[in-house]
N, C-alpha and C. Protein backbone atom coordinates (compact mmCIF):
# COMPACT_ATOMS: atom_id res chain seq x y z
N MET A 1 -5.93 -19.46 17.64
CA MET A 1 -6.01 -18.14 18.07
C MET A 1 -6.61 -16.87 16.73
N GLN A 2 -7.67 -16.42 17.40
CA GLN A 2 -8.57 -16.09 16.09
C GLN A 2 -7.99 -13.98 16.30
N ILE A 3 -7.75 -13.58 15.14
CA ILE A 3 -7.06 -12.30 14.64
C ILE A 3 -7.66 -11.41 16.34
N GLU A 4 -9.35 -10.82 16.56
CA GLU A 4 -9.17 -10.32 17.57
C GLU A 4 -8.40 -10.86 19.27
N GLU A 5 -8.25 -12.32 19.08
CA GLU A 5 -7.41 -12.56 20.63
C GLU A 5 -5.74 -11.98 19.85
N LEU A 6 -6.50 -12.34 18.65
CA LEU A 6 -4.97 -11.64 18.68
C LEU A 6 -4.43 -10.55 19.43
N ILE A 7 -4.87 -9.38 18.19
CA ILE A 7 -4.74 -8.06 18.85
C ILE A 7 -4.56 -7.22 20.28
N LYS A 8 -5.26 -8.31 20.63
CA LYS A 8 -5.60 -8.18 21.99
C LYS A 8 -4.74 -9.02 22.93
N ASP A 9 -3.71 -9.43 22.69
CA ASP A 9 -3.36 -10.33 23.62
C ASP A 9 -1.47 -9.05 23.79
N LYS A 10 -1.80 -8.69 25.33
CA LYS A 10 -0.47 -7.71 25.41
C LYS A 10 1.25 -8.36 25.35
N SER A 11 0.85 -9.95 25.93
CA SER A 11 2.37 -10.98 25.41
C SER A 11 3.33 -10.92 23.85
N LYS A 12 2.23 -10.46 23.40
CA LYS A 12 3.51 -10.03 21.72
C LYS A 12 3.01 -9.43 21.41
N LYS A 13 4.42 -8.26 20.78
CA LYS A 13 4.77 -7.15 20.83
C LYS A 13 4.39 -6.87 19.15
N PRO A 14 3.96 -5.69 18.87
CA PRO A 14 3.47 -5.86 17.09
C PRO A 14 3.75 -6.55 16.16
N LYS A 15 5.03 -6.33 15.76
CA LYS A 15 5.43 -6.58 14.75
C LYS A 15 5.74 -8.51 15.16
N GLU A 16 5.40 -9.37 15.57
CA GLU A 16 4.75 -10.23 15.91
C GLU A 16 3.54 -10.83 15.52
N LYS A 17 2.48 -9.89 16.01
CA LYS A 17 1.46 -9.92 15.45
C LYS A 17 1.38 -9.92 13.85
N THR A 18 2.03 -8.82 13.95
CA THR A 18 1.95 -8.68 12.60
C THR A 18 2.24 -9.80 11.34
N GLU A 19 3.35 -10.56 11.80
CA GLU A 19 4.20 -11.67 10.96
C GLU A 19 3.23 -12.74 10.55
N LEU A 20 2.52 -13.08 12.25
CA LEU A 20 1.69 -14.05 12.63
C LEU A 20 0.27 -13.97 11.97
N ILE A 21 0.01 -12.74 11.73
CA ILE A 21 -0.76 -12.55 10.40
C ILE A 21 -1.21 -13.04 9.64
N SER A 22 0.70 -12.39 8.73
CA SER A 22 1.11 -12.55 7.51
C SER A 22 0.86 -13.95 6.97
N THR A 23 1.39 -14.73 8.08
CA THR A 23 1.95 -16.54 8.05
C THR A 23 -0.08 -16.90 7.21
N TRP A 24 0.22 -16.46 8.44
CA TRP A 24 -1.97 -17.07 8.21
C TRP A 24 -2.15 -16.47 6.98
N LEU A 25 -2.73 -15.46 6.79
CA LEU A 25 -3.17 -15.39 5.34
C LEU A 25 -2.16 -15.85 4.17
N VAL A 26 -0.51 -16.18 3.79
CA VAL A 26 0.27 -16.85 2.94
C VAL A 26 -0.12 -18.11 3.39
N SER A 27 -0.18 -19.12 4.30
CA SER A 27 -0.50 -20.10 4.50
C SER A 27 -2.10 -20.48 4.57
N ARG A 28 -2.56 -19.50 4.08
CA ARG A 28 -4.55 -20.01 3.31
C ARG A 28 -5.32 -19.85 5.02
N ALA A 29 -4.70 -20.13 6.26
CA ALA A 29 -5.26 -20.18 7.37
C ALA A 29 -6.40 -19.55 7.49
N LEU A 30 -6.03 -18.06 7.14
CA LEU A 30 -7.28 -17.08 7.12
C LEU A 30 -7.23 -16.21 5.96
N PRO A 31 -8.43 -15.98 5.91
CA PRO A 31 -8.70 -15.78 4.45
C PRO A 31 -8.46 -14.23 4.10
N LEU A 32 -9.19 -14.03 3.56
CA LEU A 32 -8.42 -12.51 3.21
C LEU A 32 -9.40 -11.69 3.96
N ASP A 33 -10.93 -11.91 3.29
CA ASP A 33 -11.97 -11.31 3.27
C ASP A 33 -11.89 -10.91 5.09
N GLU A 34 -12.19 -11.91 5.50
CA GLU A 34 -11.78 -11.98 7.06
C GLU A 34 -10.99 -11.14 7.44
N LEU A 35 -9.66 -10.16 7.52
CA LEU A 35 -8.54 -10.00 8.03
C LEU A 35 -9.70 -8.47 7.68
N LEU A 36 -9.83 -8.03 6.33
CA LEU A 36 -10.21 -6.94 5.70
C LEU A 36 -11.73 -6.38 6.69
N ALA A 37 -12.91 -8.01 6.75
CA ALA A 37 -13.65 -7.20 7.55
C ALA A 37 -13.40 -6.32 9.46
N PHE A 38 -12.45 -7.08 9.86
CA PHE A 38 -12.01 -7.50 11.21
C PHE A 38 -11.48 -5.80 11.11
N ALA A 39 -10.24 -6.05 9.88
CA ALA A 39 -9.34 -4.69 9.96
C ALA A 39 -10.61 -3.02 10.05
N SER A 40 -11.76 -3.46 9.09
CA SER A 40 -12.93 -1.92 9.22
C SER A 40 -12.81 -1.43 9.65
N GLY A 41 -12.98 -2.31 10.83
CA GLY A 41 -14.13 -1.58 12.37
C GLY A 41 -13.05 -1.70 13.39
N GLN A 42 -12.30 -1.56 12.87
CA GLN A 42 -10.79 -1.33 14.20
C GLN A 42 -10.05 -0.11 14.60
N LYS A 43 -9.68 0.56 15.23
CA LYS A 43 -8.88 2.00 15.81
C LYS A 43 -8.10 1.33 14.73
N ASP A 44 -7.48 2.75 14.66
CA ASP A 44 -5.80 2.94 13.49
C ASP A 44 -5.22 1.95 14.01
N PRO A 45 -4.54 2.24 15.30
CA PRO A 45 -2.93 1.06 15.39
C PRO A 45 -3.46 -0.68 15.00
N ALA A 46 -3.98 -1.07 15.95
CA ALA A 46 -4.59 -2.39 14.68
C ALA A 46 -5.10 -2.45 13.55
N LYS A 47 -6.12 -1.46 12.57
CA LYS A 47 -6.23 -1.68 11.39
C LYS A 47 -5.01 -1.46 11.30
N ALA A 48 -3.69 -0.17 10.81
CA ALA A 48 -2.57 -0.70 10.94
C ALA A 48 -1.73 -1.77 10.54
N SER A 49 -2.04 -2.33 11.87
CA SER A 49 -1.25 -3.63 11.81
C SER A 49 -1.47 -4.29 10.78
N CYS A 50 -3.41 -4.96 10.51
CA CYS A 50 -3.92 -5.19 10.29
C CYS A 50 -3.60 -5.51 8.10
N ILE A 51 -3.11 -4.26 7.95
CA ILE A 51 -2.90 -3.45 6.70
C ILE A 51 -1.19 -4.47 6.65
N GLU A 52 -0.33 -4.19 7.02
CA GLU A 52 1.12 -4.14 7.46
C GLU A 52 1.13 -5.13 6.69
N ALA A 53 0.16 -6.08 7.87
CA ALA A 53 0.39 -7.64 7.71
C ALA A 53 -0.27 -8.19 6.10
N ILE A 54 -1.12 -7.20 5.40
CA ILE A 54 -1.37 -7.56 3.75
C ILE A 54 -0.37 -7.08 3.42
N GLU A 55 0.25 -6.23 3.48
CA GLU A 55 1.87 -6.51 2.27
C GLU A 55 3.01 -7.05 2.67
N TYR A 56 3.25 -7.53 3.92
CA TYR A 56 3.99 -8.23 3.73
C TYR A 56 3.45 -9.83 2.66
N ALA A 57 2.54 -10.14 3.37
CA ALA A 57 2.25 -11.11 2.72
C ALA A 57 1.84 -11.37 1.03
N THR A 58 0.99 -9.67 0.63
CA THR A 58 1.78 -10.07 -0.88
C THR A 58 2.85 -10.04 -1.64
N ARG A 59 3.85 -9.43 -1.14
CA ARG A 59 4.83 -9.28 -1.24
C ARG A 59 5.61 -10.75 -1.42
N GLN A 60 5.21 -11.62 -0.77
CA GLN A 60 5.72 -13.31 -0.49
C GLN A 60 4.57 -13.54 -1.44
N ASP A 61 3.60 -13.22 -1.85
CA ASP A 61 2.33 -13.94 -3.03
C ASP A 61 1.64 -13.02 -3.44
N VAL A 62 1.76 -12.19 -4.33
CA VAL A 62 0.37 -11.36 -4.58
C VAL A 62 -0.37 -12.13 -5.29
N SER A 63 -1.10 -13.06 -5.74
CA SER A 63 -2.39 -13.87 -5.83
C SER A 63 -3.19 -14.05 -4.77
N LEU A 64 -2.78 -13.20 -3.50
CA LEU A 64 -3.63 -13.33 -2.22
C LEU A 64 -4.82 -12.16 -2.60
N ALA A 65 -4.37 -10.86 -3.72
CA ALA A 65 -5.12 -10.31 -3.21
C ALA A 65 -6.08 -9.82 -4.25
N ASP A 66 -7.16 -9.12 -4.00
CA ASP A 66 -8.00 -8.98 -5.17
C ASP A 66 -8.51 -8.24 -5.21
N ARG A 67 -10.13 -7.42 -5.69
CA ARG A 67 -10.46 -6.01 -6.44
C ARG A 67 -10.34 -5.85 -4.90
N ASP A 68 -11.66 -6.44 -3.55
CA ASP A 68 -11.59 -6.42 -2.69
C ASP A 68 -10.03 -5.44 -1.58
N VAL A 69 -8.95 -6.06 -1.52
CA VAL A 69 -8.11 -5.68 -1.37
C VAL A 69 -7.41 -4.44 -1.68
N LEU A 70 -8.01 -4.60 -2.48
CA LEU A 70 -7.21 -3.13 -3.90
C LEU A 70 -8.46 -1.98 -3.33
N ASP A 71 -9.78 -2.32 -3.32
CA ASP A 71 -10.55 -1.13 -2.98
C ASP A 71 -10.17 -0.88 -1.74
N PHE A 72 -9.82 -2.03 -0.86
CA PHE A 72 -10.05 -1.95 0.89
C PHE A 72 -8.96 -0.64 0.87
N VAL A 73 -7.71 -1.00 0.23
CA VAL A 73 -6.87 -0.25 0.44
C VAL A 73 -6.22 1.70 0.13
N SER A 74 -6.71 0.74 -1.50
CA SER A 74 -7.18 2.64 -2.14
C SER A 74 -7.99 3.88 -1.03
N GLN A 75 -9.15 3.01 -0.22
CA GLN A 75 -9.79 3.76 0.42
C GLN A 75 -9.18 4.13 1.70
N ALA A 76 -8.34 3.58 2.50
CA ALA A 76 -7.05 3.64 3.41
C ALA A 76 -5.95 4.87 2.89
N LEU A 77 -6.10 5.08 1.89
CA LEU A 77 -5.24 6.31 1.86
C LEU A 77 -5.42 7.22 2.44
N THR A 78 -6.58 7.64 2.15
CA THR A 78 -7.29 8.71 2.75
C THR A 78 -7.52 8.93 4.11
N GLU A 79 -6.92 8.17 5.39
CA GLU A 79 -7.42 7.72 6.26
C GLU A 79 -5.86 8.86 6.88
N LYS A 80 -6.09 9.52 7.78
CA LYS A 80 -5.80 10.68 8.67
C LYS A 80 -4.61 9.62 9.29
N ALA A 81 -4.14 8.90 9.83
CA ALA A 81 -2.88 7.89 10.16
C ALA A 81 -1.76 7.99 9.90
N PRO A 82 -0.39 8.51 9.36
CA PRO A 82 0.17 7.94 8.38
C PRO A 82 0.21 6.63 8.24
N ARG A 83 0.67 5.99 8.96
CA ARG A 83 1.00 4.42 9.25
C ARG A 83 -0.09 3.64 8.37
N ILE A 84 -1.87 4.07 8.07
CA ILE A 84 -2.42 3.50 7.28
C ILE A 84 -1.83 3.84 5.69
N LYS A 85 -1.96 4.81 5.49
CA LYS A 85 -1.64 5.85 4.46
C LYS A 85 -0.35 4.80 4.38
N TRP A 86 1.13 4.70 5.12
CA TRP A 86 1.93 4.67 3.88
C TRP A 86 1.95 3.19 3.74
N GLU A 87 1.08 2.07 4.89
CA GLU A 87 1.05 0.56 4.57
C GLU A 87 0.14 -0.15 3.59
N SER A 88 -0.06 1.41 3.16
CA SER A 88 -1.86 0.88 2.34
C SER A 88 -1.15 1.31 0.62
N ALA A 89 -0.57 1.86 1.00
CA ALA A 89 0.41 2.22 -0.68
C ALA A 89 1.50 1.50 -0.58
N LYS A 90 2.05 0.48 -0.20
CA LYS A 90 2.81 -0.54 0.23
C LYS A 90 2.22 -1.66 -0.56
N VAL A 91 1.11 -1.78 -0.22
CA VAL A 91 -0.10 -2.90 -1.34
C VAL A 91 -0.11 -2.68 -2.09
N VAL A 92 -0.82 -1.51 -2.55
CA VAL A 92 -1.06 -0.98 -3.33
C VAL A 92 0.28 -0.87 -4.82
N GLY A 93 1.61 -0.86 -4.20
CA GLY A 93 2.79 -0.98 -5.08
C GLY A 93 2.78 -2.50 -4.98
N ASN A 94 2.64 -3.41 -4.61
CA ASN A 94 2.72 -4.63 -5.08
C ASN A 94 1.62 -5.31 -5.05
N ILE A 95 0.79 -4.52 -5.62
CA ILE A 95 -0.39 -5.30 -6.17
C ILE A 95 -1.15 -5.43 -7.78
N ALA A 96 -0.30 -3.69 -7.84
CA ALA A 96 -0.73 -2.64 -8.99
C ALA A 96 -1.12 -3.87 -10.02
N ARG A 97 -0.17 -4.33 -10.81
CA ARG A 97 -0.23 -5.49 -12.32
C ARG A 97 -1.00 -6.08 -11.92
N LEU A 98 -1.62 -6.83 -10.89
CA LEU A 98 -2.86 -7.41 -11.43
C LEU A 98 -4.08 -6.81 -11.36
N PHE A 99 -4.55 -5.05 -11.09
CA PHE A 99 -4.98 -4.60 -12.13
C PHE A 99 -5.45 -3.57 -12.55
N PRO A 100 -4.15 -3.33 -13.06
CA PRO A 100 -4.14 -2.29 -14.18
C PRO A 100 -5.14 -1.34 -14.80
N GLU A 101 -6.26 -1.58 -14.81
CA GLU A 101 -7.63 -0.99 -15.66
C GLU A 101 -8.22 -0.83 -14.21
N HIS A 102 -8.32 -1.14 -13.22
CA HIS A 102 -8.42 -0.76 -11.87
C HIS A 102 -8.02 0.25 -10.60
N LEU A 103 -6.71 1.46 -11.33
CA LEU A 103 -5.78 2.13 -10.39
C LEU A 103 -6.70 3.05 -9.49
N ALA A 104 -7.63 3.71 -11.08
CA ALA A 104 -7.95 5.08 -11.11
C ALA A 104 -7.38 5.58 -9.06
N ALA A 105 -8.60 5.42 -8.79
CA ALA A 105 -9.26 5.68 -7.09
C ALA A 105 -7.38 5.68 -6.74
N ALA A 106 -6.77 4.84 -6.37
CA ALA A 106 -5.61 4.69 -5.57
C ALA A 106 -4.75 5.72 -5.83
N THR A 107 -4.64 5.60 -7.25
CA THR A 107 -3.65 6.72 -8.03
C THR A 107 -4.00 8.06 -7.62
N ALA A 108 -5.39 8.45 -7.35
CA ALA A 108 -5.45 9.13 -7.24
C ALA A 108 -6.00 10.18 -5.36
N ASN A 109 -5.22 8.61 -4.85
CA ASN A 109 -5.54 8.86 -3.52
C ASN A 109 -3.47 8.92 -3.04
N LEU A 110 -2.85 8.30 -4.00
CA LEU A 110 -1.44 8.12 -3.58
C LEU A 110 -0.84 9.40 -4.20
N LEU A 111 -1.54 10.32 -5.43
CA LEU A 111 -1.31 11.94 -5.39
C LEU A 111 -1.21 13.01 -4.29
N LYS A 112 -1.99 12.55 -3.95
CA LYS A 112 -2.59 13.63 -2.99
C LYS A 112 -1.29 12.73 -1.77
N ASN A 113 -1.50 12.26 -1.15
CA ASN A 113 -0.58 11.93 -0.59
C ASN A 113 0.67 12.26 -0.32
N THR A 114 1.60 12.57 -2.05
CA THR A 114 2.47 13.07 -2.34
C THR A 114 2.84 14.05 -2.07
N GLN A 115 2.00 14.86 -1.31
CA GLN A 115 2.33 16.08 -0.44
C GLN A 115 1.96 16.20 1.08
N HIS A 116 1.78 14.63 1.33
CA HIS A 116 2.15 14.36 3.74
C HIS A 116 3.83 15.69 3.96
N ASP A 117 3.49 15.45 4.88
CA ASP A 117 4.59 16.09 5.63
C ASP A 117 5.21 14.65 6.05
N GLY A 118 4.68 13.83 6.55
CA GLY A 118 6.09 12.66 6.28
C GLY A 118 6.73 12.21 5.33
N THR A 119 7.74 12.03 5.95
CA THR A 119 8.43 11.23 4.98
C THR A 119 8.70 9.94 4.14
N VAL A 120 7.95 8.74 5.07
CA VAL A 120 7.24 7.58 5.16
C VAL A 120 6.51 7.75 4.27
N VAL A 121 5.21 8.70 4.60
CA VAL A 121 4.00 8.34 3.66
C VAL A 121 3.94 8.51 2.51
N ARG A 122 5.26 9.67 2.01
CA ARG A 122 5.67 10.04 0.52
C ARG A 122 6.24 9.65 -0.03
N TRP A 123 7.56 8.73 0.53
CA TRP A 123 8.14 7.65 0.23
C TRP A 123 7.15 6.18 -0.53
N SER A 124 6.49 5.81 -0.29
CA SER A 124 5.68 4.56 0.29
C SER A 124 4.88 5.44 -1.05
N ALA A 125 4.43 6.52 -1.25
CA ALA A 125 3.03 6.97 -2.38
C ALA A 125 4.36 6.95 -3.48
N ALA A 126 5.07 7.08 -3.88
CA ALA A 126 6.46 7.18 -4.53
C ALA A 126 6.98 5.74 -5.59
N PHE A 127 6.78 4.61 -4.01
CA PHE A 127 6.90 3.00 -4.30
C PHE A 127 5.96 2.91 -5.02
N ALA A 128 4.44 3.42 -4.61
CA ALA A 128 3.57 2.66 -5.30
C ALA A 128 3.02 3.56 -6.85
N LEU A 129 3.58 4.92 -6.62
CA LEU A 129 2.70 5.64 -8.31
C LEU A 129 4.17 5.03 -9.30
N GLY A 130 4.86 4.63 -8.21
CA GLY A 130 6.41 4.74 -9.73
C GLY A 130 5.97 2.74 -9.81
N GLU A 131 5.36 2.30 -9.16
CA GLU A 131 4.92 0.54 -9.79
C GLU A 131 3.63 1.05 -10.97
N ILE A 132 2.80 2.04 -10.02
CA ILE A 132 1.38 1.92 -11.95
C ILE A 132 2.02 3.05 -13.10
N LEU A 133 2.95 3.72 -12.41
CA LEU A 133 3.25 4.13 -13.83
C LEU A 133 4.38 2.54 -14.31
N LYS A 134 5.06 1.98 -14.27
CA LYS A 134 5.74 1.39 -14.94
C LYS A 134 4.69 0.95 -16.29
N LEU A 135 3.57 0.03 -15.47
CA LEU A 135 2.38 -0.49 -15.65
C LEU A 135 1.96 -0.17 -17.48
N LYS A 136 2.40 1.27 -17.80
CA LYS A 136 1.78 1.92 -19.52
C LYS A 136 0.11 1.91 -19.49
N THR A 137 -0.27 1.83 -18.36
CA THR A 137 -1.84 1.83 -18.94
C THR A 137 -2.11 3.45 -19.07
N ALA A 138 -3.72 3.01 -19.36
CA ALA A 138 -4.01 4.09 -20.75
C ALA A 138 -3.60 5.89 -19.88
N GLY A 139 -3.45 6.05 -18.29
CA GLY A 139 -3.46 7.89 -17.69
C GLY A 139 -2.14 7.81 -17.72
N HIS A 140 -0.88 6.97 -18.54
CA HIS A 140 0.19 6.77 -18.41
C HIS A 140 0.80 7.82 -18.37
N ARG A 141 0.57 8.70 -19.93
CA ARG A 141 1.35 10.11 -19.93
C ARG A 141 0.96 11.01 -18.89
N GLU A 142 -0.53 11.56 -19.06
CA GLU A 142 -0.62 12.02 -17.83
C GLU A 142 -0.10 11.89 -16.23
N LEU A 143 0.01 10.48 -15.85
CA LEU A 143 0.73 10.04 -14.80
C LEU A 143 1.83 10.70 -14.53
N LEU A 144 3.09 10.56 -15.73
CA LEU A 144 4.07 10.22 -16.08
C LEU A 144 4.75 12.71 -15.46
N SER A 145 3.84 12.69 -16.41
CA SER A 145 3.75 14.49 -16.30
C SER A 145 3.22 14.96 -15.07
N GLU A 146 2.11 14.26 -13.99
CA GLU A 146 2.29 14.17 -12.44
C GLU A 146 3.46 14.33 -12.21
N ILE A 147 4.14 12.65 -12.68
CA ILE A 147 5.33 12.28 -11.50
C ILE A 147 6.15 13.87 -11.53
N GLN A 148 6.83 14.41 -12.82
CA GLN A 148 7.73 14.97 -13.11
C GLN A 148 7.39 16.43 -12.75
N ALA A 149 6.74 16.48 -12.51
CA ALA A 149 6.45 17.69 -11.62
C ALA A 149 6.79 17.34 -10.43
N ILE A 150 6.41 16.40 -9.23
CA ILE A 150 6.27 16.23 -8.14
C ILE A 150 7.94 16.32 -7.66
N CYS A 151 8.72 15.58 -9.04
CA CYS A 151 10.25 15.49 -8.67
C CYS A 151 10.50 17.14 -8.72
N THR A 152 10.09 17.34 -8.62
CA THR A 152 10.72 18.90 -8.86
C THR A 152 10.41 19.96 -7.39
N ARG A 153 9.27 18.89 -6.87
CA ARG A 153 8.79 19.16 -5.55
C ARG A 153 9.92 18.71 -4.81
N GLU A 154 9.57 17.98 -4.94
CA GLU A 154 10.04 17.02 -3.36
C GLU A 154 11.77 17.28 -3.15
N GLU A 155 11.72 17.30 -1.72
CA GLU A 155 12.45 18.08 -1.21
C GLU A 155 13.95 17.03 -1.12
N LYS A 156 13.47 15.22 -0.28
CA LYS A 156 14.44 14.84 -0.59
C LYS A 156 14.59 13.08 -1.30
N ASN A 157 16.13 13.29 -1.76
CA ASN A 157 16.88 12.72 -2.35
C ASN A 157 16.56 11.37 -2.26
N SER A 158 15.82 10.96 -1.42
CA SER A 158 15.41 9.18 -1.62
C SER A 158 14.83 8.79 -2.29
N ILE A 159 13.92 10.14 -2.19
CA ILE A 159 12.05 10.08 -2.43
C ILE A 159 12.09 9.97 -4.27
N ARG A 160 12.73 10.80 -4.99
CA ARG A 160 13.26 11.71 -5.54
C ARG A 160 13.12 10.60 -6.63
N LYS A 161 14.37 9.91 -5.89
CA LYS A 161 15.40 8.83 -6.97
C LYS A 161 14.06 7.70 -7.47
N ILE A 162 13.21 7.67 -6.58
CA ILE A 162 12.36 6.60 -6.68
C ILE A 162 11.65 6.99 -8.32
N TYR A 163 11.35 8.45 -8.00
CA TYR A 163 10.29 8.62 -9.57
C TYR A 163 10.95 8.84 -11.09
N LEU A 164 12.34 8.96 -10.50
CA LEU A 164 13.44 8.94 -11.24
C LEU A 164 13.16 7.46 -11.82
N ASP A 165 14.09 6.62 -11.04
CA ASP A 165 14.42 4.89 -11.75
C ASP A 165 12.85 4.76 -12.28
N ALA A 166 11.36 4.86 -11.82
CA ALA A 166 10.41 4.28 -12.21
C ALA A 166 10.38 5.10 -13.84
N ILE A 167 10.32 6.64 -13.94
CA ILE A 167 10.81 7.63 -14.80
C ILE A 167 11.33 6.83 -16.03
N LYS A 168 12.10 6.06 -15.56
CA LYS A 168 13.64 5.55 -16.76
C LYS A 168 12.90 4.24 -17.08
N ARG A 169 12.90 3.31 -15.89
CA ARG A 169 11.66 1.66 -16.38
C ARG A 169 10.67 2.03 -17.53
N SER A 170 10.05 3.32 -17.31
CA SER A 170 9.01 2.91 -17.88
C SER A 170 8.93 4.28 -19.30
N GLU A 171 9.84 4.08 -20.08
CA GLU A 171 10.92 4.58 -21.30
C GLU A 171 10.81 3.45 -22.00
N LYS A 172 11.14 2.17 -21.48
CA LYS A 172 11.37 1.26 -21.52
C LYS A 172 10.60 0.44 -22.81
């Protein structure tokens, strides 16, 4: 079954589709570049499902990701749909350690998403920014001060806790 057929299949629930695509990615039955090409032309629900599948797959096997994936999800962080934003942020968090020198665009877009109304978008941005902060890249000090400022304005303790944990781990 091809991706387009699967996405259009009304007999399968969205989670089933996402898990199946993820399985294809992990088993290398579906090339990641093929999924990215498909996702880029899709409407928000299908695009979000594709990014969620990438998130599942990169959580299992981070080596699946390449710069094209990072660039795709970095750009997707600017999309309007909250689900696309949060799934993209989780992918960035999963793969950041592979690309410590290429995180500027993702970091900038994640910082914008820290002000989003949606809790899940802010939580996912916190996860990804925390993972980036732990890498202690060249912009570590600037990111640290930005995250400290975000902590003071973040109303949700669960999100603030992610930042505080990342700050603590980055100081080790």
